Amino acid sequence: MSQTIPNKTGQASELLTKTELAKRLKVSTRTVDLWVNEGRIPKIKINSSARFDWGDVLEALKKQSGKEAV
């Protein structure tokens, strides 16, 4: 289940699980793991679980592709 929390700039950030992120990006969870390991997308470690800030992920992918994120 995604959560919304304020980010560094005070705007709302949506934190997603790996499964939720994979569904939104229409990729497998294994692809998400690979992208994290390659440093292509950032993850937030909370205790023993990982979460992904939707805005940060889109920004990272946008920078890599040189295109605007959808």
PDB file of N, CA and C in Angstrom:
ATOM      1  N   MET A   1       0.843  -1.173   0.000  1.00  0.00           N
ATOM      2  CA  MET A   1       0.000   0.000   0.000  1.00  0.00           C
ATOM      3  C   MET A   1       0.893   1.243   0.000  1.00  0.00           C
ATOM      4  N   SER A   2       0.638   2.157  -0.898  1.00  0.00           N
ATOM      5  CA  SER A   2       1.453   3.365  -0.982  1.00  0.00           C
ATOM      6  C   SER A   2       1.118   4.321   0.161  1.00  0.00           C
ATOM      7  N   GLN A   3       2.112   5.120   0.526  1.00  0.00           N
ATOM      8  CA  GLN A   3       1.952   6.106   1.582  1.00  0.00           C
ATOM      9  C   GLN A   3       2.329   7.460   1.025  1.00  0.00           C
ATOM     10  N   THR A   4       1.720   8.510   1.553  1.00  0.00           N
ATOM     11  CA  THR A   4       2.073   9.858   1.152  1.00  0.00           C
ATOM     12  C   THR A   4       2.653  10.580   2.357  1.00  0.00           C
ATOM     13  N   ILE A   5       3.876  11.111   2.162  1.00  0.00           N
ATOM     14  CA  ILE A   5       4.550  11.854   3.223  1.00  0.00           C
ATOM     15  C   ILE A   5       5.163  13.105   2.613  1.00  0.00           C
ATOM     16  N   PRO A   6       5.438  14.145   3.423  1.00  0.00           N
ATOM     17  CA  PRO A   6       6.097  15.331   2.870  1.00  0.00           C
ATOM     18  C   PRO A   6       7.563  15.033   2.560  1.00  0.00           C
ATOM     19  N   ASN A   7       8.059  15.563   1.432  1.00  0.00           N
ATOM     20  CA  ASN A   7       9.466  15.379   1.088  1.00  0.00           C
ATOM     21  C   ASN A   7      10.275  16.573   1.571  1.00  0.00           C
ATOM     22  N   LYS A   8      11.528  16.664   1.128  1.00  0.00           N
ATOM     23  CA  LYS A   8      12.430  17.730   1.574  1.00  0.00           C
ATOM     24  C   LYS A   8      11.901  19.125   1.257  1.00  0.00           C
ATOM     25  N   THR A   9      11.180  19.264   0.158  1.00  0.00           N
ATOM     26  CA  THR A   9      10.666  20.572  -0.244  1.00  0.00           C
ATOM     27  C   THR A   9       9.287  20.858   0.334  1.00  0.00           C
ATOM     28  N   GLY A  10       8.767  19.926   1.152  1.00  0.00           N
ATOM     29  CA  GLY A  10       7.458  20.123   1.760  1.00  0.00           C
ATOM     30  C   GLY A  10       6.308  19.637   0.905  1.00  0.00           C
ATOM     31  N   GLN A  11       6.610  19.158  -0.301  1.00  0.00           N
ATOM     32  CA  GLN A  11       5.562  18.628  -1.164  1.00  0.00           C
ATOM     33  C   GLN A  11       5.286  17.176  -0.794  1.00  0.00           C
ATOM     34  N   ALA A  12       4.130  16.688  -1.158  1.00  0.00           N
ATOM     35  CA  ALA A  12       3.767  15.312  -0.844  1.00  0.00           C
ATOM     36  C   ALA A  12       4.554  14.346  -1.725  1.00  0.00           C
ATOM     37  N   SER A  13       5.105  13.325  -1.090  1.00  0.00           N
ATOM     38  CA  SER A  13       5.807  12.271  -1.797  1.00  0.00           C
ATOM     39  C   SER A  13       5.026  10.986  -1.617  1.00  0.00           C
ATOM     40  N   GLU A  14       4.900  10.244  -2.686  1.00  0.00           N
ATOM     41  CA  GLU A  14       4.197   8.976  -2.603  1.00  0.00           C
ATOM     42  C   GLU A  14       5.229   7.859  -2.544  1.00  0.00           C
ATOM     43  N   LEU A  15       5.225   7.110  -1.445  1.00  0.00           N
ATOM     44  CA  LEU A  15       6.149   6.007  -1.280  1.00  0.00           C
ATOM     45  C   LEU A  15       5.475   4.707  -1.711  1.00  0.00           C
ATOM     46  N   LEU A  16       6.151   3.980  -2.587  1.00  0.00           N
ATOM     47  CA  LEU A  16       5.604   2.753  -3.149  1.00  0.00           C
ATOM     48  C   LEU A  16       6.459   1.558  -2.770  1.00  0.00           C
ATOM     49  N   THR A  17       5.833   0.397  -2.708  1.00  0.00           N
ATOM     50  CA  THR A  17       6.586  -0.840  -2.558  1.00  0.00           C
ATOM     51  C   THR A  17       7.175  -1.209  -3.910  1.00  0.00           C
ATOM     52  N   LYS A  18       8.061  -2.187  -3.916  1.00  0.00           N
ATOM     53  CA  LYS A  18       8.661  -2.632  -5.173  1.00  0.00           C
ATOM     54  C   LYS A  18       7.589  -3.157  -6.130  1.00  0.00           C
ATOM     55  N   THR A  19       6.639  -3.898  -5.613  1.00  0.00           N
ATOM     56  CA  THR A  19       5.565  -4.442  -6.450  1.00  0.00           C
ATOM     57  C   THR A  19       4.707  -3.338  -7.038  1.00  0.00           C
ATOM     58  N   GLU A  20       4.356  -2.341  -6.211  1.00  0.00           N
ATOM     59  CA  GLU A  20       3.550  -1.217  -6.712  1.00  0.00           C
ATOM     60  C   GLU A  20       4.307  -0.441  -7.782  1.00  0.00           C
ATOM     61  N   LEU A  21       5.607  -0.221  -7.553  1.00  0.00           N
ATOM     62  CA  LEU A  21       6.413   0.504  -8.535  1.00  0.00           C
ATOM     63  C   LEU A  21       6.486  -0.267  -9.848  1.00  0.00           C
ATOM     64  N   ALA A  22       6.719  -1.565  -9.756  1.00  0.00           N
ATOM     65  CA  ALA A  22       6.804  -2.398 -10.962  1.00  0.00           C
ATOM     66  C   ALA A  22       5.502  -2.330 -11.766  1.00  0.00           C
ATOM     67  N   LYS A  23       4.386  -2.373 -11.080  1.00  0.00           N
ATOM     68  CA  LYS A  23       3.088  -2.289 -11.766  1.00  0.00           C
ATOM     69  C   LYS A  23       2.922  -0.949 -12.465  1.00  0.00           C
ATOM     70  N   ARG A  24       3.296   0.137 -11.785  1.00  0.00           N
ATOM     71  CA  ARG A  24       3.155   1.473 -12.395  1.00  0.00           C
ATOM     72  C   ARG A  24       4.051   1.645 -13.611  1.00  0.00           C
ATOM     73  N   LEU A  25       5.259   1.078 -13.536  1.00  0.00           N
ATOM     74  CA  LEU A  25       6.205   1.218 -14.642  1.00  0.00           C
ATOM     75  C   LEU A  25       6.012   0.141 -15.714  1.00  0.00           C
ATOM     76  N   LYS A  26       5.146  -0.819 -15.428  1.00  0.00           N
ATOM     77  CA  LYS A  26       4.866  -1.933 -16.343  1.00  0.00           C
ATOM     78  C   LYS A  26       6.134  -2.730 -16.649  1.00  0.00           C
ATOM     79  N   VAL A  27       6.860  -3.035 -15.560  1.00  0.00           N
ATOM     80  CA  VAL A  27       8.048  -3.880 -15.636  1.00  0.00           C
ATOM     81  C   VAL A  27       7.945  -4.922 -14.524  1.00  0.00           C
ATOM     82  N   SER A  28       8.849  -5.892 -14.538  1.00  0.00           N
ATOM     83  CA  SER A  28       8.849  -6.908 -13.490  1.00  0.00           C
ATOM     84  C   SER A  28       9.547  -6.376 -12.239  1.00  0.00           C
ATOM     85  N   THR A  29       9.314  -7.041 -11.117  1.00  0.00           N
ATOM     86  CA  THR A  29      10.002  -6.663  -9.893  1.00  0.00           C
ATOM     87  C   THR A  29      11.502  -6.930 -10.035  1.00  0.00           C
ATOM     88  N   ARG A  30      11.866  -7.905 -10.831  1.00  0.00           N
ATOM     89  CA  ARG A  30      13.285  -8.187 -11.087  1.00  0.00           C
ATOM     90  C   ARG A  30      13.934  -7.001 -11.807  1.00  0.00           C
ATOM     91  N   THR A  31      13.225  -6.384 -12.740  1.00  0.00           N
ATOM     92  CA  THR A  31      13.746  -5.202 -13.428  1.00  0.00           C
ATOM     93  C   THR A  31      13.956  -4.068 -12.444  1.00  0.00           C
ATOM     94  N   VAL A  32      13.031  -3.888 -11.511  1.00  0.00           N
ATOM     95  CA  VAL A  32      13.191  -2.858 -10.480  1.00  0.00           C
ATOM     96  C   VAL A  32      14.463  -3.141  -9.685  1.00  0.00           C
ATOM     97  N   ASP A  33      14.677  -4.395  -9.299  1.00  0.00           N
ATOM     98  CA  ASP A  33      15.899  -4.769  -8.574  1.00  0.00           C
ATOM     99  C   ASP A  33      17.152  -4.441  -9.379  1.00  0.00           C
ATOM    100  N   LEU A  34      17.131  -4.763 -10.654  1.00  0.00           N
ATOM    101  CA  LEU A  34      18.283  -4.485 -11.515  1.00  0.00           C
ATOM    102  C   LEU A  34      18.555  -2.993 -11.610  1.00  0.00           C
ATOM    103  N   TRP A  35      17.504  -2.197 -11.784  1.00  0.00           N
ATOM    104  CA  TRP A  35      17.661  -0.751 -11.893  1.00  0.00           C
ATOM    105  C   TRP A  35      18.221  -0.156 -10.596  1.00  0.00           C
ATOM    106  N   VAL A  36      17.791  -0.685  -9.449  1.00  0.00           N
ATOM    107  CA  VAL A  36      18.325  -0.221  -8.165  1.00  0.00           C
ATOM    108  C   VAL A  36      19.807  -0.575  -8.073  1.00  0.00           C
ATOM    109  N   ASN A  37      20.141  -1.817  -8.408  1.00  0.00           N
ATOM    110  CA  ASN A  37      21.533  -2.265  -8.328  1.00  0.00           C
ATOM    111  C   ASN A  37      22.441  -1.493  -9.280  1.00  0.00           C
ATOM    112  N   GLU A  38      21.911  -1.073 -10.415  1.00  0.00           N
ATOM    113  CA  GLU A  38      22.676  -0.293 -11.395  1.00  0.00           C
ATOM    114  C   GLU A  38      22.724   1.187 -11.031  1.00  0.00           C
ATOM    115  N   GLY A  39      21.946   1.582 -10.020  1.00  0.00           N
ATOM    116  CA  GLY A  39      21.908   2.987  -9.618  1.00  0.00           C
ATOM    117  C   GLY A  39      21.018   3.844 -10.499  1.00  0.00           C
ATOM    118  N   ARG A  40      20.166   3.211 -11.294  1.00  0.00           N
ATOM    119  CA  ARG A  40      19.287   3.955 -12.195  1.00  0.00           C
ATOM    120  C   ARG A  40      18.121   4.609 -11.470  1.00  0.00           C
ATOM    121  N   ILE A  41      17.644   3.979 -10.398  1.00  0.00           N
ATOM    122  CA  ILE A  41      16.541   4.547  -9.620  1.00  0.00           C
ATOM    123  C   ILE A  41      16.906   4.499  -8.136  1.00  0.00           C
ATOM    124  N   PRO A  42      16.458   5.504  -7.383  1.00  0.00           N
ATOM    125  CA  PRO A  42      16.765   5.538  -5.949  1.00  0.00           C
ATOM    126  C   PRO A  42      15.757   4.736  -5.134  1.00  0.00           C
ATOM    127  N   LYS A  43      16.234   4.185  -4.026  1.00  0.00           N
ATOM    128  CA  LYS A  43      15.317   3.519  -3.103  1.00  0.00           C
ATOM    129  C   LYS A  43      15.532   4.088  -1.717  1.00  0.00           C
ATOM    130  N   ILE A  44      14.509   3.979  -0.911  1.00  0.00           N
ATOM    131  CA  ILE A  44      14.564   4.425   0.473  1.00  0.00           C
ATOM    132  C   ILE A  44      14.469   3.179   1.342  1.00  0.00           C
ATOM    133  N   LYS A  45      15.441   2.975   2.174  1.00  0.00           N
ATOM    134  CA  LYS A  45      15.438   1.813   3.056  1.00  0.00           C
ATOM    135  C   LYS A  45      14.790   2.200   4.384  1.00  0.00           C
ATOM    136  N   ILE A  46      13.751   1.486   4.751  1.00  0.00           N
ATOM    137  CA  ILE A  46      13.043   1.704   6.005  1.00  0.00           C
ATOM    138  C   ILE A  46      13.081   0.383   6.762  1.00  0.00           C
ATOM    139  N   ASN A  47      13.922   0.355   7.803  1.00  0.00           N
ATOM    140  CA  ASN A  47      14.183  -0.886   8.546  1.00  0.00           C
ATOM    141  C   ASN A  47      14.650  -1.953   7.559  1.00  0.00           C
ATOM    142  N   SER A  48      13.908  -3.038   7.428  1.00  0.00           N
ATOM    143  CA  SER A  48      14.337  -4.105   6.518  1.00  0.00           C
ATOM    144  C   SER A  48      13.599  -4.070   5.182  1.00  0.00           C
ATOM    145  N   SER A  49      12.797  -3.044   4.957  1.00  0.00           N
ATOM    146  CA  SER A  49      12.048  -2.971   3.707  1.00  0.00           C
ATOM    147  C   SER A  49      12.486  -1.768   2.875  1.00  0.00           C
ATOM    148  N   ALA A  50      12.185  -1.843   1.600  1.00  0.00           N
ATOM    149  CA  ALA A  50      12.530  -0.756   0.674  1.00  0.00           C
ATOM    150  C   ALA A  50      11.251  -0.085   0.191  1.00  0.00           C
ATOM    151  N   ARG A  51      11.330   1.218   0.013  1.00  0.00           N
ATOM    152  CA  ARG A  51      10.238   1.993  -0.571  1.00  0.00           C
ATOM    153  C   ARG A  51      10.827   2.877  -1.654  1.00  0.00           C
ATOM    154  N   PHE A  52       9.974   3.296  -2.565  1.00  0.00           N
ATOM    155  CA  PHE A  52      10.402   4.106  -3.691  1.00  0.00           C
ATOM    156  C   PHE A  52       9.540   5.359  -3.763  1.00  0.00           C
ATOM    157  N   ASP A  53      10.188   6.509  -3.817  1.00  0.00           N
ATOM    158  CA  ASP A  53       9.484   7.777  -3.962  1.00  0.00           C
ATOM    159  C   ASP A  53       9.138   7.927  -5.442  1.00  0.00           C
ATOM    160  N   TRP A  54       7.858   7.934  -5.743  1.00  0.00           N
ATOM    161  CA  TRP A  54       7.389   7.961  -7.126  1.00  0.00           C
ATOM    162  C   TRP A  54       7.982   9.132  -7.903  1.00  0.00           C
ATOM    163  N   GLY A  55       7.980  10.306  -7.317  1.00  0.00           N
ATOM    164  CA  GLY A  55       8.525  11.490  -7.987  1.00  0.00           C
ATOM    165  C   GLY A  55      10.014  11.370  -8.255  1.00  0.00           C
ATOM    166  N   ASP A  56      10.764  10.850  -7.286  1.00  0.00           N
ATOM    167  CA  ASP A  56      12.202  10.679  -7.458  1.00  0.00           C
ATOM    168  C   ASP A  56      12.520   9.652  -8.542  1.00  0.00           C
ATOM    169  N   VAL A  57      11.740   8.584  -8.582  1.00  0.00           N
ATOM    170  CA  VAL A  57      11.951   7.554  -9.606  1.00  0.00           C
ATOM    171  C   VAL A  57      11.686   8.135 -10.993  1.00  0.00           C
ATOM    172  N   LEU A  58      10.585   8.858 -11.143  1.00  0.00           N
ATOM    173  CA  LEU A  58      10.278   9.464 -12.446  1.00  0.00           C
ATOM    174  C   LEU A  58      11.365  10.436 -12.877  1.00  0.00           C
ATOM    175  N   GLU A  59      11.840  11.236 -11.928  1.00  0.00           N
ATOM    176  CA  GLU A  59      12.894  12.203 -12.229  1.00  0.00           C
ATOM    177  C   GLU A  59      14.178  11.501 -12.667  1.00  0.00           C
ATOM    178  N   ALA A  60      14.542  10.430 -11.975  1.00  0.00           N
ATOM    179  CA  ALA A  60      15.754   9.684 -12.323  1.00  0.00           C
ATOM    180  C   ALA A  60      15.641   9.068 -13.714  1.00  0.00           C
ATOM    181  N   LEU A  61      14.496   8.493 -14.018  1.00  0.00           N
ATOM    182  CA  LEU A  61      14.310   7.885 -15.338  1.00  0.00           C
ATOM    183  C   LEU A  61      14.262   8.952 -16.432  1.00  0.00           C
ATOM    184  N   LYS A  62      13.684  10.089 -16.102  1.00  0.00           N
ATOM    185  CA  LYS A  62      13.613  11.210 -17.055  1.00  0.00           C
ATOM    186  C   LYS A  62      15.015  11.689 -17.413  1.00  0.00           C
ATOM    187  N   LYS A  63      15.871  11.846 -16.407  1.00  0.00           N
ATOM    188  CA  LYS A  63      17.230  12.312 -16.645  1.00  0.00           C
ATOM    189  C   LYS A  63      18.014  11.334 -17.523  1.00  0.00           C
ATOM    190  N   GLN A  64      17.778  10.054 -17.317  1.00  0.00           N
ATOM    191  CA  GLN A  64      18.496   9.036 -18.084  1.00  0.00           C
ATOM    192  C   GLN A  64      18.049   8.979 -19.532  1.00  0.00           C
ATOM    193  N   SER A  65      16.765   9.169 -19.744  1.00  0.00           N
ATOM    194  CA  SER A  65      16.261   9.056 -21.109  1.00  0.00           C
ATOM    195  C   SER A  65      16.358  10.350 -21.883  1.00  0.00           C
ATOM    196  N   GLY A  66      16.541  11.474 -21.166  1.00  0.00           N
ATOM    197  CA  GLY A  66      16.589  12.773 -21.820  1.00  0.00           C
ATOM    198  C   GLY A  66      15.227  13.240 -22.293  1.00  0.00           C
ATOM    199  N   LYS A  67      14.171  12.584 -21.797  1.00  0.00           N
ATOM    200  CA  LYS A  67      12.801  12.928 -22.179  1.00  0.00           C
ATOM    201  C   LYS A  67      12.022  13.319 -20.951  1.00  0.00           C
ATOM    202  N   GLU A  68      10.855  13.895 -21.181  1.00  0.00           N
ATOM    203  CA  GLU A  68       9.975  14.225 -20.065  1.00  0.00           C
ATOM    204  C   GLU A  68       9.273  12.977 -19.590  1.00  0.00           C
ATOM    205  N   ALA A  69       9.145  12.845 -18.270  1.00  0.00           N
ATOM    206  CA  ALA A  69       8.437  11.714 -17.687  1.00  0.00           C
ATOM    207  C   ALA A  69       6.948  11.920 -17.847  1.00  0.00           C
ATOM    208  N   VAL A  70       6.242  10.819 -17.950  1.00  0.00           N
ATOM    209  CA  VAL A  70       4.783  10.860 -18.111  1.00  0.00           C
ATOM    210  C   VAL A  70       4.119  10.983 -16.776  1.00  0.00           C
TER     211      VAL A  70
END
